[in-house]
Amino acid sequence: MHPTARLHVTNLEREGKPLDRRLLSSTQLHSLRLCVYYDEPDQKLYREGCRSELQILKGYLMLGNSIKKLDLSFEDAKLTIHDKALIGLKDCAHGPLNFHWQEGDRFPMLEEWNVSESFADYAYTAQHMDMWHRCMGWSLLRVLDLGRLNMYPSSMLPIISLTSHVPRLESLTLAVFNYNEHDKEDPKRSLLILEEFLRHVLAPKRLRLVWDGIPDCLLIILQHQGSTLRELSLEDLGDTAPWSHQLFLDILSKAPQLCHLDVETSNQHSEFELEGRWSGKAVNLSPSEKYKSMEHMHMSFQLNKAKAEAAVLKRLDIPYVLRRAGRYELCATGVTWIRESP
C-alpha cells in the first residue's frame, strides 16, 4: 500500500469474528464504521454496566494514532447466532459501555464521532467525559452524532461537557427528551444547556434534531444557529402543538439558507412526513414563496387516516400539493405525493 493511502473500513456484519488488530492499528486507518459487541444487556445498562470490545478497540486505535472518522453501533453478543462473538469479551473488564479512559491514554483527534442507533447507548458519564477531554482534543471535530441516549439520566450530559470545545462543528445530530431521570425534574434546563452549547458553535451547516416534550425547542435552537444551516432534519415525537403553515414559515425565516428540509411527526395531532429541496435562486426566496417553491416535495400519510391527512393539508396550507403532484405512490403503509421539479 502506498504510504499516503488512507484506509476506509466498514464492518457492520461481523458474524462473530474478533476485531482485526492489524487493520485497526494501521497508521493509515482514516475512517471506521464498526459494530461493537457487548454482553449483559439490561434496561439500566448505564448503572450496571457490561463487558464490551470498546476497551480493545481503544487500544488498537491509539496504537495506529491515525483515525479521524469513527462511527460505532452496538450489538448484544448473546443475541447473535455466532458463539464466537462472546469469546473476545472474556478478558474485558466490567463497566459502563464506553472507552474506559485511563490516565496516560492519548487518542487521535477526531473529525467525526457518530453513534448509530442500536439497542444500547454509549455511556457518557460525567467522569468519562472529563477524562475524554484529557485524552483527546476536540477542536477539529466537524460531525457529531451522540445517539439517542434513551437509557441515561440526562440527554444533555455530553453537551454540557462539550460546550465551547467544538467550535468547528458543522453537523450535529441530537435527541432532546424530557423523560430522562434528570430531565424530568426541569425540562427547560435541557433547553438552556443546549442554547449555551450552540452559542459556541460558529457556523453549523447540518442539524438533525429529535425531540419530545420540550415546547419551543426547535425555534429557540434556530434562533441561535439557523442563519448558517443548509440542511435541517426534524423528528417531532412529542405531544406538542399541531404543525402548521406558520411554523414552516418560521423555520424558513430563521434558517433562510436551507436547501433541504425533512420533517417527520408522530404525535396525537398528526403523523406525516414532509421533505422538500431547493436550489439556485429558490434558496433565497422569501419564506412564503420558498415554502410554495419546493423543487422536490415528498409527503406521506398513513392510509387509515384520511380525515387526519385532509386536516393536515389544510393546516399546512398546501392543497396545491395534490393539484401539482406529478405522481403518487400507494403502498401497504401509506400514500406519498411527489411533486417533481419542472
C-alpha atoms as a PDB file:
ATOM      1  CA  MET A   1       0.000   0.000   0.000  1.00  0.00           C
ATOM      2  CA  HIS A   2       1.240   3.490  -0.873  1.00  0.00           C
ATOM      3  CA  PRO A   3       2.422   5.323   2.260  1.00  0.00           C
ATOM      4  CA  THR A   4      -0.010   8.215   1.650  1.00  0.00           C
ATOM      5  CA  ALA A   5      -3.030   5.954   1.073  1.00  0.00           C
ATOM      6  CA  ARG A   6      -5.959   6.140   3.510  1.00  0.00           C
ATOM      7  CA  LEU A   7      -7.954   3.190   4.758  1.00  0.00           C
ATOM      8  CA  HIS A   8     -11.746   3.491   4.970  1.00  0.00           C
ATOM      9  CA  VAL A   9     -13.214   0.465   6.741  1.00  0.00           C
ATOM     10  CA  THR A  10     -16.845  -0.618   7.182  1.00  0.00           C
ATOM     11  CA  ASN A  11     -17.574  -3.778   9.189  1.00  0.00           C
ATOM     12  CA  LEU A  12     -21.172  -3.908  10.374  1.00  0.00           C
ATOM     13  CA  GLU A  13     -21.892  -7.620   9.696  1.00  0.00           C
ATOM     14  CA  ARG A  14     -19.082  -9.221  11.651  1.00  0.00           C
ATOM     15  CA  GLU A  15     -20.585 -12.711  12.060  1.00  0.00           C
ATOM     16  CA  GLY A  16     -18.910 -13.137  15.441  1.00  0.00           C
ATOM     17  CA  LYS A  17     -15.371 -12.578  14.139  1.00  0.00           C
ATOM     18  CA  PRO A  18     -12.858 -10.914  16.502  1.00  0.00           C
ATOM     19  CA  LEU A  19     -11.521  -7.411  15.998  1.00  0.00           C
ATOM     20  CA  ASP A  20      -8.717  -7.271  13.432  1.00  0.00           C
ATOM     21  CA  ARG A  21      -5.719  -5.905  15.329  1.00  0.00           C
ATOM     22  CA  ARG A  22      -3.554  -5.375  12.253  1.00  0.00           C
ATOM     23  CA  LEU A  23      -6.232  -3.442  10.422  1.00  0.00           C
ATOM     24  CA  LEU A  24      -7.494  -1.353  13.348  1.00  0.00           C
ATOM     25  CA  SER A  25      -3.993  -0.378  14.490  1.00  0.00           C
ATOM     26  CA  SER A  26      -2.871   0.620  10.995  1.00  0.00           C
ATOM     27  CA  THR A  27      -1.239   4.043  10.758  1.00  0.00           C
ATOM     28  CA  GLN A  28      -3.229   4.576   7.558  1.00  0.00           C
ATOM     29  CA  LEU A  29      -6.703   3.960   9.016  1.00  0.00           C
ATOM     30  CA  HIS A  30      -8.719   7.131   8.333  1.00  0.00           C
ATOM     31  CA  SER A  31     -12.375   6.199   8.820  1.00  0.00           C
ATOM     32  CA  LEU A  32     -14.116   3.311  10.549  1.00  0.00           C
ATOM     33  CA  ARG A  33     -17.734   2.144  10.731  1.00  0.00           C
ATOM     34  CA  LEU A  34     -17.885  -0.752  13.132  1.00  0.00           C
ATOM     35  CA  CYS A  35     -20.397  -2.849  15.035  1.00  0.00           C
ATOM     36  CA  VAL A  36     -19.065  -3.436  18.567  1.00  0.00           C
ATOM     37  CA  TYR A  37     -20.088  -6.452  20.656  1.00  0.00           C
ATOM     38  CA  TYR A  38     -21.132  -6.208  24.304  1.00  0.00           C
ATOM     39  CA  ASP A  39     -22.878  -8.539  26.729  1.00  0.00           C
ATOM     40  CA  GLU A  40     -25.020  -8.460  29.886  1.00  0.00           C
ATOM     41  CA  PRO A  41     -27.697  -6.146  28.487  1.00  0.00           C
ATOM     42  CA  ASP A  42     -30.057  -4.520  30.943  1.00  0.00           C
ATOM     43  CA  GLN A  43     -32.653  -1.753  30.908  1.00  0.00           C
ATOM     44  CA  LYS A  44     -30.395   0.063  33.381  1.00  0.00           C
ATOM     45  CA  LEU A  45     -27.229  -0.647  31.449  1.00  0.00           C
ATOM     46  CA  TYR A  46     -25.784   2.746  32.359  1.00  0.00           C
ATOM     47  CA  ARG A  47     -25.828   1.731  36.047  1.00  0.00           C
ATOM     48  CA  GLU A  48     -24.965  -1.945  35.987  1.00  0.00           C
ATOM     49  CA  GLY A  49     -22.555  -1.884  33.071  1.00  0.00           C
ATOM     50  CA  CYS A  50     -21.392  -4.708  30.834  1.00  0.00           C
ATOM     51  CA  ARG A  51     -18.335  -6.126  29.127  1.00  0.00           C
ATOM     52  CA  SER A  52     -17.585  -4.767  25.670  1.00  0.00           C
ATOM     53  CA  GLU A  53     -14.947  -4.662  22.952  1.00  0.00           C
ATOM     54  CA  LEU A  54     -14.581  -0.901  23.332  1.00  0.00           C
ATOM     55  CA  GLN A  55     -11.530  -1.282  25.560  1.00  0.00           C
ATOM     56  CA  ILE A  56      -9.789  -3.442  22.946  1.00  0.00           C
ATOM     57  CA  LEU A  57     -10.801  -1.113  20.133  1.00  0.00           C
ATOM     58  CA  LYS A  58      -9.495   1.927  22.022  1.00  0.00           C
ATOM     59  CA  GLY A  59      -6.078   0.323  22.389  1.00  0.00           C
ATOM     60  CA  TYR A  60      -5.825  -0.567  18.703  1.00  0.00           C
ATOM     61  CA  LEU A  61      -6.871   2.911  17.545  1.00  0.00           C
ATOM     62  CA  MET A  62      -4.429   4.626  19.907  1.00  0.00           C
ATOM     63  CA  LEU A  63      -1.655   2.384  18.592  1.00  0.00           C
ATOM     64  CA  GLY A  64      -2.315   3.439  14.997  1.00  0.00           C
ATOM     65  CA  ASN A  65      -2.895   7.073  16.014  1.00  0.00           C
ATOM     66  CA  SER A  66      -4.479   7.914  12.652  1.00  0.00           C
ATOM     67  CA  ILE A  67      -8.262   7.551  12.944  1.00  0.00           C
ATOM     68  CA  LYS A  68     -10.244  10.685  12.006  1.00  0.00           C
ATOM     69  CA  LYS A  69     -13.797   9.439  11.470  1.00  0.00           C
ATOM     70  CA  LEU A  70     -15.384   6.972  13.871  1.00  0.00           C
ATOM     71  CA  ASP A  71     -18.932   5.582  13.572  1.00  0.00           C
ATOM     72  CA  LEU A  72     -19.955   2.927  16.102  1.00  0.00           C
ATOM     73  CA  SER A  73     -23.017   0.780  16.676  1.00  0.00           C
ATOM     74  CA  PHE A  74     -23.566  -1.871  19.349  1.00  0.00           C
ATOM     75  CA  GLU A  75     -24.840  -5.459  19.293  1.00  0.00           C
ATOM     76  CA  ASP A  76     -25.508  -7.787  22.208  1.00  0.00           C
ATOM     77  CA  ALA A  77     -23.153 -10.727  21.699  1.00  0.00           C
ATOM     78  CA  LYS A  78     -25.521 -13.147  23.453  1.00  0.00           C
ATOM     79  CA  LEU A  79     -28.277 -12.402  20.966  1.00  0.00           C
ATOM     80  CA  THR A  80     -26.206 -13.172  17.879  1.00  0.00           C
ATOM     81  CA  ILE A  81     -26.212 -16.603  16.257  1.00  0.00           C
ATOM     82  CA  HIS A  82     -22.422 -16.612  16.371  1.00  0.00           C
ATOM     83  CA  ASP A  83     -20.922 -18.197  19.521  1.00  0.00           C
ATOM     84  CA  LYS A  84     -17.551 -16.627  18.715  1.00  0.00           C
ATOM     85  CA  ALA A  85     -18.945 -13.172  19.481  1.00  0.00           C
ATOM     86  CA  LEU A  86     -18.651 -13.814  23.242  1.00  0.00           C
ATOM     87  CA  ILE A  87     -15.115 -15.207  23.161  1.00  0.00           C
ATOM     88  CA  GLY A  88     -13.462 -11.834  22.636  1.00  0.00           C
ATOM     89  CA  LEU A  89     -15.244 -10.403  25.695  1.00  0.00           C
ATOM     90  CA  LYS A  90     -13.853 -12.849  28.278  1.00  0.00           C
ATOM     91  CA  ASP A  91     -10.840 -10.716  29.162  1.00  0.00           C
ATOM     92  CA  CYS A  92     -12.694  -7.366  29.143  1.00  0.00           C
ATOM     93  CA  ALA A  93     -13.344  -5.548  32.401  1.00  0.00           C
ATOM     94  CA  HIS A  94     -16.923  -4.993  33.515  1.00  0.00           C
ATOM     95  CA  GLY A  95     -18.127  -1.392  33.471  1.00  0.00           C
ATOM     96  CA  PRO A  96     -20.002   1.311  31.531  1.00  0.00           C
ATOM     97  CA  LEU A  97     -20.402   0.873  27.778  1.00  0.00           C
ATOM     98  CA  ASN A  98     -17.630   3.299  26.837  1.00  0.00           C
ATOM     99  CA  PHE A  99     -13.896   3.536  26.209  1.00  0.00           C
ATOM    100  CA  HIS A 100     -12.891   3.346  29.903  1.00  0.00           C
ATOM    101  CA  TRP A 101     -10.364   6.174  29.628  1.00  0.00           C
ATOM    102  CA  GLN A 102      -7.292   5.882  31.850  1.00  0.00           C
ATOM    103  CA  GLU A 103      -4.595   8.348  32.900  1.00  0.00           C
ATOM    104  CA  GLY A 104      -1.952   8.377  30.182  1.00  0.00           C
ATOM    105  CA  ASP A 105      -4.301   7.497  27.287  1.00  0.00           C
ATOM    106  CA  ARG A 106      -3.697   9.575  24.156  1.00  0.00           C
ATOM    107  CA  PHE A 107      -6.384   9.232  21.486  1.00  0.00           C
ATOM    108  CA  PRO A 108      -6.035  10.755  17.986  1.00  0.00           C
ATOM    109  CA  MET A 109      -8.085  13.933  17.424  1.00  0.00           C
ATOM    110  CA  LEU A 110     -11.359  13.007  15.739  1.00  0.00           C
ATOM    111  CA  GLU A 111     -13.072  14.970  12.983  1.00  0.00           C
ATOM    112  CA  GLU A 112     -16.245  12.864  13.145  1.00  0.00           C
ATOM    113  CA  TRP A 113     -17.865  11.000  16.064  1.00  0.00           C
ATOM    114  CA  ASN A 114     -21.066   9.064  15.344  1.00  0.00           C
ATOM    115  CA  VAL A 115     -23.062   6.622  17.427  1.00  0.00           C
ATOM    116  CA  SER A 116     -25.529   4.891  15.126  1.00  0.00           C
ATOM    117  CA  GLU A 117     -28.916   3.916  16.508  1.00  0.00           C
ATOM    118  CA  SER A 118     -28.846   0.469  18.109  1.00  0.00           C
ATOM    119  CA  PHE A 119     -30.137  -1.376  21.173  1.00  0.00           C
ATOM    120  CA  ALA A 120     -27.607   0.249  23.513  1.00  0.00           C
ATOM    121  CA  ASP A 121     -26.320   3.780  24.068  1.00  0.00           C
ATOM    122  CA  TYR A 122     -22.745   4.890  24.559  1.00  0.00           C
ATOM    123  CA  ALA A 123     -22.334   5.770  28.252  1.00  0.00           C
ATOM    124  CA  TYR A 124     -21.434   9.449  28.543  1.00  0.00           C
ATOM    125  CA  THR A 125     -20.913   9.739  32.283  1.00  0.00           C
ATOM    126  CA  ALA A 126     -19.595  12.983  33.757  1.00  0.00           C
ATOM    127  CA  GLN A 127     -16.371  11.298  34.864  1.00  0.00           C
ATOM    128  CA  HIS A 128     -15.938   9.693  31.455  1.00  0.00           C
ATOM    129  CA  MET A 129     -16.342  13.000  29.601  1.00  0.00           C
ATOM    130  CA  ASP A 130     -13.857  14.686  31.925  1.00  0.00           C
ATOM    131  CA  MET A 131     -11.273  12.006  31.166  1.00  0.00           C
ATOM    132  CA  TRP A 132     -12.033  12.159  27.443  1.00  0.00           C
ATOM    133  CA  HIS A 133     -11.059  15.837  27.432  1.00  0.00           C
ATOM    134  CA  ARG A 134      -7.715  14.913  28.963  1.00  0.00           C
ATOM    135  CA  CYS A 135      -7.105  12.110  26.457  1.00  0.00           C
ATOM    136  CA  MET A 136      -8.200  13.788  23.217  1.00  0.00           C
ATOM    137  CA  GLY A 137      -8.523  17.257  21.718  1.00  0.00           C
ATOM    138  CA  TRP A 138     -11.963  18.150  20.343  1.00  0.00           C
ATOM    139  CA  SER A 139     -11.192  21.318  18.390  1.00  0.00           C
ATOM    140  CA  LEU A 140     -11.104  19.578  14.968  1.00  0.00           C
ATOM    141  CA  LEU A 141     -14.497  17.892  15.334  1.00  0.00           C
ATOM    142  CA  ARG A 142     -16.830  18.688  12.401  1.00  0.00           C
ATOM    143  CA  VAL A 143     -19.501  15.959  12.715  1.00  0.00           C
ATOM    144  CA  LEU A 144     -21.149  14.949  15.995  1.00  0.00           C
ATOM    145  CA  ASP A 145     -23.881  12.341  16.431  1.00  0.00           C
ATOM    146  CA  LEU A 146     -24.316  11.434  20.090  1.00  0.00           C
ATOM    147  CA  GLY A 147     -27.019   8.809  19.635  1.00  0.00           C
ATOM    148  CA  ARG A 148     -30.441   8.922  21.290  1.00  0.00           C
ATOM    149  CA  LEU A 149     -29.419   8.374  24.919  1.00  0.00           C
ATOM    150  CA  ASN A 150     -32.775   6.905  25.901  1.00  0.00           C
ATOM    151  CA  MET A 151     -31.367   4.936  28.832  1.00  0.00           C
ATOM    152  CA  TYR A 152     -29.211   7.516  30.545  1.00  0.00           C
ATOM    153  CA  PRO A 153     -30.054  10.002  33.320  1.00  0.00           C
ATOM    154  CA  SER A 154     -29.754  13.121  31.157  1.00  0.00           C
ATOM    155  CA  SER A 155     -29.794  13.557  27.390  1.00  0.00           C
ATOM    156  CA  MET A 156     -27.772  16.753  27.897  1.00  0.00           C
ATOM    157  CA  LEU A 157     -24.782  15.365  29.801  1.00  0.00           C
ATOM    158  CA  PRO A 158     -22.429  15.127  26.770  1.00  0.00           C
ATOM    159  CA  ILE A 159     -23.483  18.605  25.622  1.00  0.00           C
ATOM    160  CA  ILE A 160     -22.534  20.121  28.983  1.00  0.00           C
ATOM    161  CA  SER A 161     -19.052  18.647  28.687  1.00  0.00           C
ATOM    162  CA  LEU A 162     -18.538  19.676  25.056  1.00  0.00           C
ATOM    163  CA  THR A 163     -19.687  23.297  25.380  1.00  0.00           C
ATOM    164  CA  SER A 164     -17.034  25.651  23.912  1.00  0.00           C
ATOM    165  CA  HIS A 165     -14.811  22.710  22.878  1.00  0.00           C
ATOM    166  CA  VAL A 166     -16.172  22.076  19.333  1.00  0.00           C
ATOM    167  CA  PRO A 167     -16.083  25.479  17.557  1.00  0.00           C
ATOM    168  CA  ARG A 168     -15.667  23.941  14.069  1.00  0.00           C
ATOM    169  CA  LEU A 169     -18.749  21.743  14.316  1.00  0.00           C
ATOM    170  CA  GLU A 170     -20.646  21.630  11.003  1.00  0.00           C
ATOM    171  CA  SER A 171     -23.077  18.756  11.514  1.00  0.00           C
ATOM    172  CA  LEU A 172     -24.974  17.932  14.716  1.00  0.00           C
ATOM    173  CA  THR A 173     -27.402  15.080  15.373  1.00  0.00           C
ATOM    174  CA  LEU A 174     -29.100  15.376  18.718  1.00  0.00           C
ATOM    175  CA  ALA A 175     -32.041  13.956  20.658  1.00  0.00           C
ATOM    176  CA  VAL A 176     -33.648  16.144  23.346  1.00  0.00           C
ATOM    177  CA  PHE A 177     -36.141  14.443  25.653  1.00  0.00           C
ATOM    178  CA  ASN A 178     -37.847  15.396  28.904  1.00  0.00           C
ATOM    179  CA  TYR A 179     -38.390  11.886  30.249  1.00  0.00           C
ATOM    180  CA  ASN A 180     -34.835  11.014  31.249  1.00  0.00           C
ATOM    181  CA  GLU A 181     -34.349  10.831  35.007  1.00  0.00           C
ATOM    182  CA  HIS A 182     -32.774  14.284  35.423  1.00  0.00           C
ATOM    183  CA  ASP A 183     -34.557  15.981  32.519  1.00  0.00           C
ATOM    184  CA  LYS A 184     -37.957  15.276  34.097  1.00  0.00           C
ATOM    185  CA  GLU A 185     -37.102  17.429  37.081  1.00  0.00           C
ATOM    186  CA  ASP A 186     -36.642  20.564  34.995  1.00  0.00           C
ATOM    187  CA  PRO A 187     -37.365  20.146  31.246  1.00  0.00           C
ATOM    188  CA  LYS A 188     -36.430  23.757  30.495  1.00  0.00           C
ATOM    189  CA  ARG A 189     -32.963  23.139  31.894  1.00  0.00           C
ATOM    190  CA  SER A 190     -32.157  20.915  28.906  1.00  0.00           C
ATOM    191  CA  LEU A 191     -33.006  23.743  26.553  1.00  0.00           C
ATOM    192  CA  LEU A 192     -30.833  26.225  28.440  1.00  0.00           C
ATOM    193  CA  ILE A 193     -27.900  23.805  28.270  1.00  0.00           C
ATOM    194  CA  LEU A 194     -28.403  23.338  24.544  1.00  0.00           C
ATOM    195  CA  GLU A 195     -28.632  27.093  23.951  1.00  0.00           C
ATOM    196  CA  GLU A 196     -25.319  27.636  25.722  1.00  0.00           C
ATOM    197  CA  PHE A 197     -23.713  24.869  23.659  1.00  0.00           C
ATOM    198  CA  LEU A 198     -24.927  26.356  20.359  1.00  0.00           C
ATOM    199  CA  ARG A 199     -23.612  29.814  21.213  1.00  0.00           C
ATOM    200  CA  HIS A 200     -20.084  28.419  20.941  1.00  0.00           C
ATOM    201  CA  VAL A 201     -20.586  26.683  17.570  1.00  0.00           C
ATOM    202  CA  LEU A 202     -19.509  29.107  14.854  1.00  0.00           C
ATOM    203  CA  ALA A 203     -21.277  28.026  11.646  1.00  0.00           C
ATOM    204  CA  PRO A 204     -23.237  24.741  11.657  1.00  0.00           C
ATOM    205  CA  LYS A 205     -24.486  23.572   8.259  1.00  0.00           C
ATOM    206  CA  ARG A 206     -26.488  20.460   9.103  1.00  0.00           C
ATOM    207  CA  LEU A 207     -28.791  19.761  12.042  1.00  0.00           C
ATOM    208  CA  ARG A 208     -30.786  16.637  12.777  1.00  0.00           C
ATOM    209  CA  LEU A 209     -32.990  17.115  15.818  1.00  0.00           C
ATOM    210  CA  VAL A 210     -35.250  14.584  17.545  1.00  0.00           C
ATOM    211  CA  TRP A 211     -37.277  15.963  20.440  1.00  0.00           C
ATOM    212  CA  ASP A 212     -40.127  15.122  22.754  1.00  0.00           C
ATOM    213  CA  GLY A 213     -41.917  17.110  25.411  1.00  0.00           C
ATOM    214  CA  ILE A 214     -39.953  20.369  25.305  1.00  0.00           C
ATOM    215  CA  PRO A 215     -42.123  23.192  23.890  1.00  0.00           C
ATOM    216  CA  ASP A 216     -40.488  25.768  21.590  1.00  0.00           C
ATOM    217  CA  CYS A 217     -37.349  23.630  21.419  1.00  0.00           C
ATOM    218  CA  LEU A 218     -36.998  23.943  17.656  1.00  0.00           C
ATOM    219  CA  LEU A 219     -37.483  27.680  17.202  1.00  0.00           C
ATOM    220  CA  ILE A 220     -35.212  28.564  20.103  1.00  0.00           C
ATOM    221  CA  ILE A 221     -32.447  26.440  18.577  1.00  0.00           C
ATOM    222  CA  LEU A 222     -32.929  28.026  15.159  1.00  0.00           C
ATOM    223  CA  GLN A 223     -32.869  31.471  16.686  1.00  0.00           C
ATOM    224  CA  HIS A 224     -29.279  30.846  17.731  1.00  0.00           C
ATOM    225  CA  GLN A 225     -27.908  28.900  14.777  1.00  0.00           C
ATOM    226  CA  GLY A 226     -30.436  28.910  11.952  1.00  0.00           C
ATOM    227  CA  SER A 227     -28.708  31.512   9.780  1.00  0.00           C
ATOM    228  CA  THR A 228     -25.955  29.179   8.507  1.00  0.00           C
ATOM    229  CA  LEU A 229     -27.959  25.937   8.210  1.00  0.00           C
ATOM    230  CA  ARG A 230     -28.211  24.301   4.775  1.00  0.00           C
ATOM    231  CA  GLU A 231     -29.832  21.011   5.822  1.00  0.00           C
ATOM    232  CA  LEU A 232     -32.423  20.501   8.553  1.00  0.00           C
ATOM    233  CA  SER A 233     -33.930  17.167   9.551  1.00  0.00           C
ATOM    234  CA  LEU A 234     -36.587  17.121  12.272  1.00  0.00           C
ATOM    235  CA  GLU A 235     -38.396  14.358  14.123  1.00  0.00           C
ATOM    236  CA  ASP A 236     -41.148  15.530  16.474  1.00  0.00           C
ATOM    237  CA  LEU A 237     -42.204  12.733  18.815  1.00  0.00           C
ATOM    238  CA  GLY A 238     -43.892  14.803  21.476  1.00  0.00           C
ATOM    239  CA  ASP A 239     -47.346  15.937  22.440  1.00  0.00           C
ATOM    240  CA  THR A 240     -46.713  19.440  21.119  1.00  0.00           C
ATOM    241  CA  ALA A 241     -48.972  21.800  19.193  1.00  0.00           C
ATOM    242  CA  PRO A 242     -50.040  20.719  15.680  1.00  0.00           C
ATOM    243  CA  TRP A 243     -47.682  21.572  12.846  1.00  0.00           C
ATOM    244  CA  SER A 244     -48.976  24.486  10.817  1.00  0.00           C
ATOM    245  CA  HIS A 245     -48.218  26.571   7.773  1.00  0.00           C
ATOM    246  CA  GLN A 246     -46.940  29.335  10.065  1.00  0.00           C
ATOM    247  CA  LEU A 247     -44.472  27.024  11.778  1.00  0.00           C
ATOM    248  CA  PHE A 248     -42.903  26.168   8.433  1.00  0.00           C
ATOM    249  CA  LEU A 249     -42.668  29.874   7.600  1.00  0.00           C
ATOM    250  CA  ASP A 250     -40.994  30.492  10.958  1.00  0.00           C
ATOM    251  CA  ILE A 251     -38.452  27.772  10.193  1.00  0.00           C
ATOM    252  CA  LEU A 252     -37.660  29.215   6.767  1.00  0.00           C
ATOM    253  CA  SER A 253     -37.409  32.682   8.258  1.00  0.00           C
ATOM    254  CA  LYS A 254     -34.925  31.631  10.940  1.00  0.00           C
ATOM    255  CA  ALA A 255     -32.994  29.330   8.564  1.00  0.00           C
ATOM    256  CA  PRO A 256     -33.058  31.331   5.303  1.00  0.00           C
ATOM    257  CA  GLN A 257     -30.259  29.369   3.567  1.00  0.00           C
ATOM    258  CA  LEU A 258     -31.926  25.956   3.770  1.00  0.00           C
ATOM    259  CA  CYS A 259     -31.520  23.717   0.731  1.00  0.00           C
ATOM    260  CA  HIS A 260     -33.061  20.604   2.295  1.00  0.00           C
ATOM    261  CA  LEU A 261     -35.850  20.291   4.866  1.00  0.00           C
ATOM    262  CA  ASP A 262     -37.106  16.952   6.159  1.00  0.00           C
ATOM    263  CA  VAL A 263     -39.862  16.802   8.807  1.00  0.00           C
ATOM    264  CA  GLU A 264     -41.369  13.720  10.430  1.00  0.00           C
ATOM    265  CA  THR A 265     -44.042  13.961  13.108  1.00  0.00           C
ATOM    266  CA  SER A 266     -45.560  11.272  15.265  1.00  0.00           C
ATOM    267  CA  ASN A 267     -47.883  12.678  17.919  1.00  0.00           C
ATOM    268  CA  GLN A 268     -51.592  12.837  18.747  1.00  0.00           C
ATOM    269  CA  HIS A 269     -52.181  15.750  16.351  1.00  0.00           C
ATOM    270  CA  SER A 270     -50.722  14.325  13.166  1.00  0.00           C
ATOM    271  CA  GLU A 271     -48.454  11.717  11.654  1.00  0.00           C
ATOM    272  CA  PHE A 272     -46.842  12.750   8.415  1.00  0.00           C
ATOM    273  CA  GLU A 273     -43.522  13.099   6.638  1.00  0.00           C
ATOM    274  CA  LEU A 274     -42.662  16.101   4.503  1.00  0.00           C
ATOM    275  CA  GLU A 275     -39.436  16.540   2.579  1.00  0.00           C
ATOM    276  CA  GLY A 276     -38.527  19.427   0.314  1.00  0.00           C
ATOM    277  CA  ARG A 277     -35.462  20.711  -1.534  1.00  0.00           C
ATOM    278  CA  TRP A 278     -34.411  23.987  -3.126  1.00  0.00           C
ATOM    279  CA  SER A 279     -31.539  25.071  -5.355  1.00  0.00           C
ATOM    280  CA  GLY A 280     -30.356  28.146  -7.218  1.00  0.00           C
ATOM    281  CA  LYS A 281     -32.416  31.306  -6.808  1.00  0.00           C
ATOM    282  CA  ALA A 282     -35.165  29.416  -4.955  1.00  0.00           C
ATOM    283  CA  VAL A 283     -32.910  29.184  -1.891  1.00  0.00           C
ATOM    284  CA  ASN A 284     -33.074  32.962  -1.374  1.00  0.00           C
ATOM    285  CA  LEU A 285     -36.817  33.469  -1.850  1.00  0.00           C
ATOM    286  CA  SER A 286     -38.952  34.938   0.921  1.00  0.00           C
ATOM    287  CA  PRO A 287     -40.275  32.316   3.375  1.00  0.00           C
ATOM    288  CA  SER A 288     -43.788  32.316   1.905  1.00  0.00           C
ATOM    289  CA  GLU A 289     -42.557  31.986  -1.692  1.00  0.00           C
ATOM    290  CA  LYS A 290     -39.922  29.446  -0.753  1.00  0.00           C
ATOM    291  CA  TYR A 291     -42.495  27.302   1.016  1.00  0.00           C
ATOM    292  CA  LYS A 292     -44.511  27.091  -2.205  1.00  0.00           C
ATOM    293  CA  SER A 293     -41.479  26.524  -4.430  1.00  0.00           C
ATOM    294  CA  MET A 294     -40.038  23.231  -3.283  1.00  0.00           C
ATOM    295  CA  GLU A 295     -38.376  21.623  -6.284  1.00  0.00           C
ATOM    296  CA  HIS A 296     -38.916  18.135  -4.920  1.00  0.00           C
ATOM    297  CA  MET A 297     -41.677  17.512  -2.406  1.00  0.00           C
ATOM    298  CA  HIS A 298     -42.453  14.170  -0.825  1.00  0.00           C
ATOM    299  CA  MET A 299     -45.367  13.907   1.585  1.00  0.00           C
ATOM    300  CA  SER A 300     -46.559  10.701   3.236  1.00  0.00           C
ATOM    301  CA  PHE A 301     -49.550   9.711   5.391  1.00  0.00           C
ATOM    302  CA  GLN A 302     -50.948   6.518   6.805  1.00  0.00           C
ATOM    303  CA  LEU A 303     -53.738   5.062   4.660  1.00  0.00           C
ATOM    304  CA  ASN A 304     -56.187   4.658   7.542  1.00  0.00           C
ATOM    305  CA  LYS A 305     -56.134   8.350   8.423  1.00  0.00           C
ATOM    306  CA  ALA A 306     -57.905  10.030   5.515  1.00  0.00           C
ATOM    307  CA  LYS A 307     -59.653  12.647   7.658  1.00  0.00           C
ATOM    308  CA  ALA A 308     -56.463  13.400   9.505  1.00  0.00           C
ATOM    309  CA  GLU A 309     -54.481  13.865   6.307  1.00  0.00           C
ATOM    310  CA  ALA A 310     -57.063  16.292   4.935  1.00  0.00           C
ATOM    311  CA  ALA A 311     -56.876  18.306   8.145  1.00  0.00           C
ATOM    312  CA  VAL A 312     -53.081  18.367   8.000  1.00  0.00           C
ATOM    313  CA  LEU A 313     -53.069  19.533   4.386  1.00  0.00           C
ATOM    314  CA  LYS A 314     -55.449  22.334   5.273  1.00  0.00           C
ATOM    315  CA  ARG A 315     -53.468  23.303   8.365  1.00  0.00           C
ATOM    316  CA  LEU A 316     -50.232  23.350   6.386  1.00  0.00           C
ATOM    317  CA  ASP A 317     -51.928  25.370   3.655  1.00  0.00           C
ATOM    318  CA  ILE A 318     -50.640  23.153   0.888  1.00  0.00           C
ATOM    319  CA  PRO A 319     -53.630  21.739  -1.019  1.00  0.00           C
ATOM    320  CA  TYR A 320     -51.619  22.634  -4.116  1.00  0.00           C
ATOM    321  CA  VAL A 321     -49.574  19.508  -3.403  1.00  0.00           C
ATOM    322  CA  LEU A 322     -52.479  17.444  -4.697  1.00  0.00           C
ATOM    323  CA  ARG A 323     -53.071  19.657  -7.727  1.00  0.00           C
ATOM    324  CA  ARG A 324     -49.447  19.875  -8.790  1.00  0.00           C
ATOM    325  CA  ALA A 325     -48.300  16.405  -7.884  1.00  0.00           C
ATOM    326  CA  GLY A 326     -46.698  14.773 -10.888  1.00  0.00           C
ATOM    327  CA  ARG A 327     -47.327  11.303  -9.498  1.00  0.00           C
ATOM    328  CA  TYR A 328     -48.172   9.488  -6.292  1.00  0.00           C
ATOM    329  CA  GLU A 329     -47.177   6.157  -4.837  1.00  0.00           C
ATOM    330  CA  LEU A 330     -49.522   3.858  -2.930  1.00  0.00           C
ATOM    331  CA  CYS A 331     -48.243   1.065  -0.734  1.00  0.00           C
ATOM    332  CA  ALA A 332     -49.303  -1.026   2.252  1.00  0.00           C
ATOM    333  CA  THR A 333     -48.178   1.504   4.815  1.00  0.00           C
ATOM    334  CA  GLY A 334     -49.305   4.779   3.309  1.00  0.00           C
ATOM    335  CA  VAL A 335     -49.630   7.154   0.415  1.00  0.00           C
ATOM    336  CA  THR A 336     -46.947   9.512  -0.841  1.00  0.00           C
ATOM    337  CA  TRP A 337     -47.440  12.565  -3.007  1.00  0.00           C
ATOM    338  CA  ILE A 338     -44.419  13.569  -5.020  1.00  0.00           C
ATOM    339  CA  ARG A 339     -44.016  16.912  -6.685  1.00  0.00           C
ATOM    340  CA  GLU A 340     -41.086  16.940  -9.078  1.00  0.00           C
ATOM    341  CA  SER A 341     -39.254  19.996 -10.361  1.00  0.00           C
ATOM    342  CA  PRO A 342     -40.356  21.194 -13.814  1.00  0.00           C
END
